[in-house]
Amino acid sequence: MKIIAILISLLTLCGCQQQLDIERLQLITSWSESGKVELYQGKASLPAAANSSSKIIFKIQQQLDTDLNQDGLMDKIIILTVDTVGSGLFYYLYPVINDNTQAIAKEGVLIGDRVIIKNLSHHSNIITVQYLKHTVEQSYSEHPQFESELKWQWQQELVAIPTETP
């Protein structure tokens, strides 16, 4: 065990860490009857309903390489969109943990519907998403204009940090 810790430390110091491969990634989602969807090369699709030609499209929009659990291995934070073809474009944040080079996606959280992501960051164990969303008076067909921010602390799961909105 001590040898593994030394090797991880050496890899971290020399910058030789391999990026986490998420070519195939299984996510927990309420959009699937099974509760899961498997992405291949960052994408997947499922039937919108039984015997329907309409599809729900899942797509990774953004990735951030970071060491979420502070074990010396590079993990990922991903922003995933779920396009329901007509009733919304939902944005989710998922932490993906590097478990000895195996990508383990943890439960995601909803950011919002038809938002625009401005920034994704991770500092001092805090994940922050800055984005534009629609005001209460604004139609979803309009460009979102209200600047907002969501924060979570990583504690083996995402724990929301209350933020004040003006």
Protein backbone atom coordinates (compact mmCIF):
# COMPACT_ATOMS: atom_id res chain seq x y z
CA MET A 1 0.00 0.00 0.00
CA LYS A 2 2.86 2.34 0.85
CA ILE A 3 4.43 1.73 -2.59
CA ILE A 4 1.19 2.72 -4.32
CA ALA A 5 1.03 5.95 -2.31
CA ILE A 6 4.65 6.74 -3.22
CA LEU A 7 3.98 6.06 -6.92
CA ILE A 8 0.89 8.32 -6.87
CA SER A 9 2.95 11.05 -5.19
CA LEU A 10 5.72 10.72 -7.79
CA LEU A 11 3.22 10.86 -10.66
CA THR A 12 1.64 13.95 -9.14
CA LEU A 13 5.00 15.70 -8.68
CA CYS A 14 6.24 14.98 -12.22
CA GLY A 15 2.90 15.84 -13.84
CA CYS A 16 2.75 12.35 -15.37
CA GLN A 17 -0.86 11.66 -14.41
CA GLN A 18 -2.94 10.09 -17.11
CA GLN A 19 -6.21 11.76 -17.86
CA LEU A 20 -9.24 9.73 -16.88
CA ASP A 21 -10.70 7.96 -19.91
CA ILE A 22 -14.46 8.42 -20.15
CA GLU A 23 -14.89 6.89 -23.62
CA ARG A 24 -17.60 4.72 -22.03
CA LEU A 25 -19.34 6.10 -18.98
CA GLN A 26 -22.45 4.96 -17.14
CA LEU A 27 -24.52 7.69 -15.47
CA ILE A 28 -27.39 7.58 -13.01
CA THR A 29 -30.40 9.41 -14.48
CA SER A 30 -34.14 9.66 -13.96
CA TRP A 31 -34.58 9.99 -17.75
CA SER A 32 -34.17 6.23 -18.23
CA GLU A 33 -36.51 3.45 -17.09
CA SER A 34 -33.48 1.52 -15.80
CA GLY A 35 -32.21 4.61 -13.97
CA LYS A 36 -28.96 4.53 -15.95
CA VAL A 37 -27.63 5.55 -19.33
CA GLU A 38 -24.31 4.56 -20.91
CA LEU A 39 -22.50 7.24 -22.86
CA TYR A 40 -20.16 6.29 -25.67
CA GLN A 41 -17.71 9.02 -26.74
CA GLY A 42 -19.69 11.48 -24.62
CA LYS A 43 -23.09 10.78 -26.21
CA ALA A 44 -26.13 8.53 -25.87
CA SER A 45 -29.76 8.45 -26.93
CA LEU A 46 -32.85 6.71 -25.59
CA PRO A 47 -36.40 6.48 -26.93
CA ALA A 48 -38.54 9.31 -25.55
CA ALA A 49 -41.42 6.83 -25.06
CA ALA A 50 -42.27 3.25 -25.97
CA ASN A 51 -42.77 2.83 -29.74
CA SER A 52 -41.66 6.42 -30.34
CA SER A 53 -39.23 7.60 -32.99
CA SER A 54 -38.38 10.64 -30.81
CA LYS A 55 -35.16 10.35 -28.84
CA ILE A 56 -33.82 11.85 -25.64
CA ILE A 57 -30.23 12.91 -26.41
CA PHE A 58 -27.50 12.91 -23.73
CA LYS A 59 -24.26 14.77 -24.47
CA ILE A 60 -21.23 15.86 -22.47
CA GLN A 61 -20.84 19.61 -23.06
CA GLN A 62 -17.92 20.43 -20.81
CA GLN A 63 -15.27 18.63 -18.74
CA LEU A 64 -12.97 19.79 -16.00
CA ASP A 65 -9.98 17.65 -14.98
CA THR A 66 -9.35 18.00 -11.25
CA ASP A 67 -8.51 15.92 -8.18
CA LEU A 68 -11.91 15.93 -6.46
CA ASN A 69 -11.19 13.46 -3.68
CA GLN A 70 -7.59 14.55 -3.11
CA ASP A 71 -6.10 11.09 -3.70
CA GLY A 72 -3.52 12.28 -6.24
CA LEU A 73 -5.48 10.92 -9.23
CA MET A 74 -7.18 13.15 -11.79
CA ASP A 75 -10.97 12.95 -11.64
CA LYS A 76 -13.46 14.82 -13.83
CA ILE A 77 -16.41 17.09 -13.38
CA ILE A 78 -18.69 16.98 -16.39
CA ILE A 79 -21.61 19.06 -17.55
CA LEU A 80 -24.13 16.93 -19.39
CA THR A 81 -27.10 18.11 -21.43
CA VAL A 82 -30.30 16.15 -21.79
CA ASP A 83 -32.24 17.24 -24.87
CA THR A 84 -35.86 16.16 -24.62
CA VAL A 85 -36.60 17.35 -28.17
CA GLY A 86 -39.07 20.12 -27.58
CA SER A 87 -39.69 20.31 -23.85
CA GLY A 88 -36.31 21.52 -22.66
CA LEU A 89 -32.54 21.29 -22.73
CA PHE A 90 -31.54 20.33 -19.20
CA TYR A 91 -28.01 20.82 -17.83
CA TYR A 92 -26.60 18.51 -15.16
CA LEU A 93 -23.32 18.41 -13.27
CA TYR A 94 -21.74 14.99 -12.60
CA PRO A 95 -18.60 14.18 -10.61
CA VAL A 96 -16.59 11.30 -12.11
CA ILE A 97 -14.10 9.68 -9.76
CA ASN A 98 -10.90 7.99 -10.91
CA ASP A 99 -10.95 4.64 -9.11
CA ASN A 100 -7.59 3.23 -10.16
CA THR A 101 -8.12 4.39 -13.80
CA GLN A 102 -11.77 3.23 -13.82
CA ALA A 103 -14.25 6.09 -14.26
CA ILE A 104 -17.01 5.95 -11.61
CA ALA A 105 -19.75 8.53 -12.15
CA LYS A 106 -21.46 9.67 -8.98
CA GLU A 107 -25.00 11.02 -8.77
CA GLY A 108 -25.48 14.23 -10.70
CA VAL A 109 -27.41 17.40 -9.92
CA LEU A 110 -29.61 19.59 -12.10
CA ILE A 111 -28.20 23.01 -12.97
CA GLY A 112 -31.20 24.21 -14.97
CA ASP A 113 -33.26 24.20 -18.15
CA ARG A 114 -32.03 26.13 -21.21
CA VAL A 115 -29.23 27.86 -19.33
CA ILE A 116 -25.89 29.07 -20.67
CA ILE A 117 -22.83 27.86 -18.76
CA LYS A 118 -20.28 30.65 -18.36
CA ASN A 119 -17.72 28.98 -16.07
CA LEU A 120 -17.03 25.68 -14.27
CA SER A 121 -14.37 25.64 -11.56
CA HIS A 122 -13.09 23.60 -8.62
CA HIS A 123 -11.04 25.25 -5.85
CA SER A 124 -10.54 24.24 -2.21
CA ASN A 125 -13.03 21.39 -2.55
CA ILE A 126 -15.77 23.73 -3.82
CA ILE A 127 -17.31 23.22 -7.27
CA THR A 128 -18.78 26.38 -8.79
CA VAL A 129 -20.93 26.80 -11.88
CA GLN A 130 -21.59 30.32 -13.14
CA TYR A 131 -24.35 30.54 -15.70
CA LEU A 132 -27.11 32.60 -17.26
CA LYS A 133 -30.72 31.63 -16.65
CA HIS A 134 -34.13 33.00 -17.52
CA THR A 135 -35.83 35.53 -15.25
CA VAL A 136 -39.33 34.76 -13.99
CA GLU A 137 -40.80 37.20 -16.53
CA GLN A 138 -38.73 35.91 -19.42
CA SER A 139 -39.93 33.38 -22.03
CA TYR A 140 -37.81 30.26 -22.54
CA SER A 141 -37.66 31.12 -26.24
CA GLU A 142 -35.57 34.20 -25.33
CA HIS A 143 -31.84 34.26 -24.58
CA PRO A 144 -31.29 33.83 -20.79
CA GLN A 145 -30.00 37.04 -19.15
CA PHE A 146 -29.96 36.56 -15.38
CA GLU A 147 -26.47 35.80 -14.00
CA SER A 148 -26.50 33.09 -11.37
CA GLU A 149 -24.13 30.78 -9.52
CA LEU A 150 -24.41 27.36 -7.90
CA LYS A 151 -21.88 25.83 -5.51
CA TRP A 152 -21.34 22.37 -4.11
CA GLN A 153 -18.83 20.90 -1.71
CA TRP A 154 -17.47 17.46 -2.54
CA GLN A 155 -17.91 15.05 0.41
CA GLN A 156 -17.99 11.71 -1.43
CA GLU A 157 -21.17 13.22 -2.92
CA LEU A 158 -22.24 16.70 -4.00
CA VAL A 159 -23.49 18.78 -1.08
CA ALA A 160 -25.21 22.02 -2.11
CA ILE A 161 -23.91 25.25 -0.62
CA PRO A 162 -26.68 27.85 -0.30
CA THR A 163 -25.90 30.95 -2.33
CA GLU A 164 -27.55 34.33 -2.17
CA THR A 165 -29.21 35.59 -5.32
CA PRO A 166 -29.85 39.31 -5.78
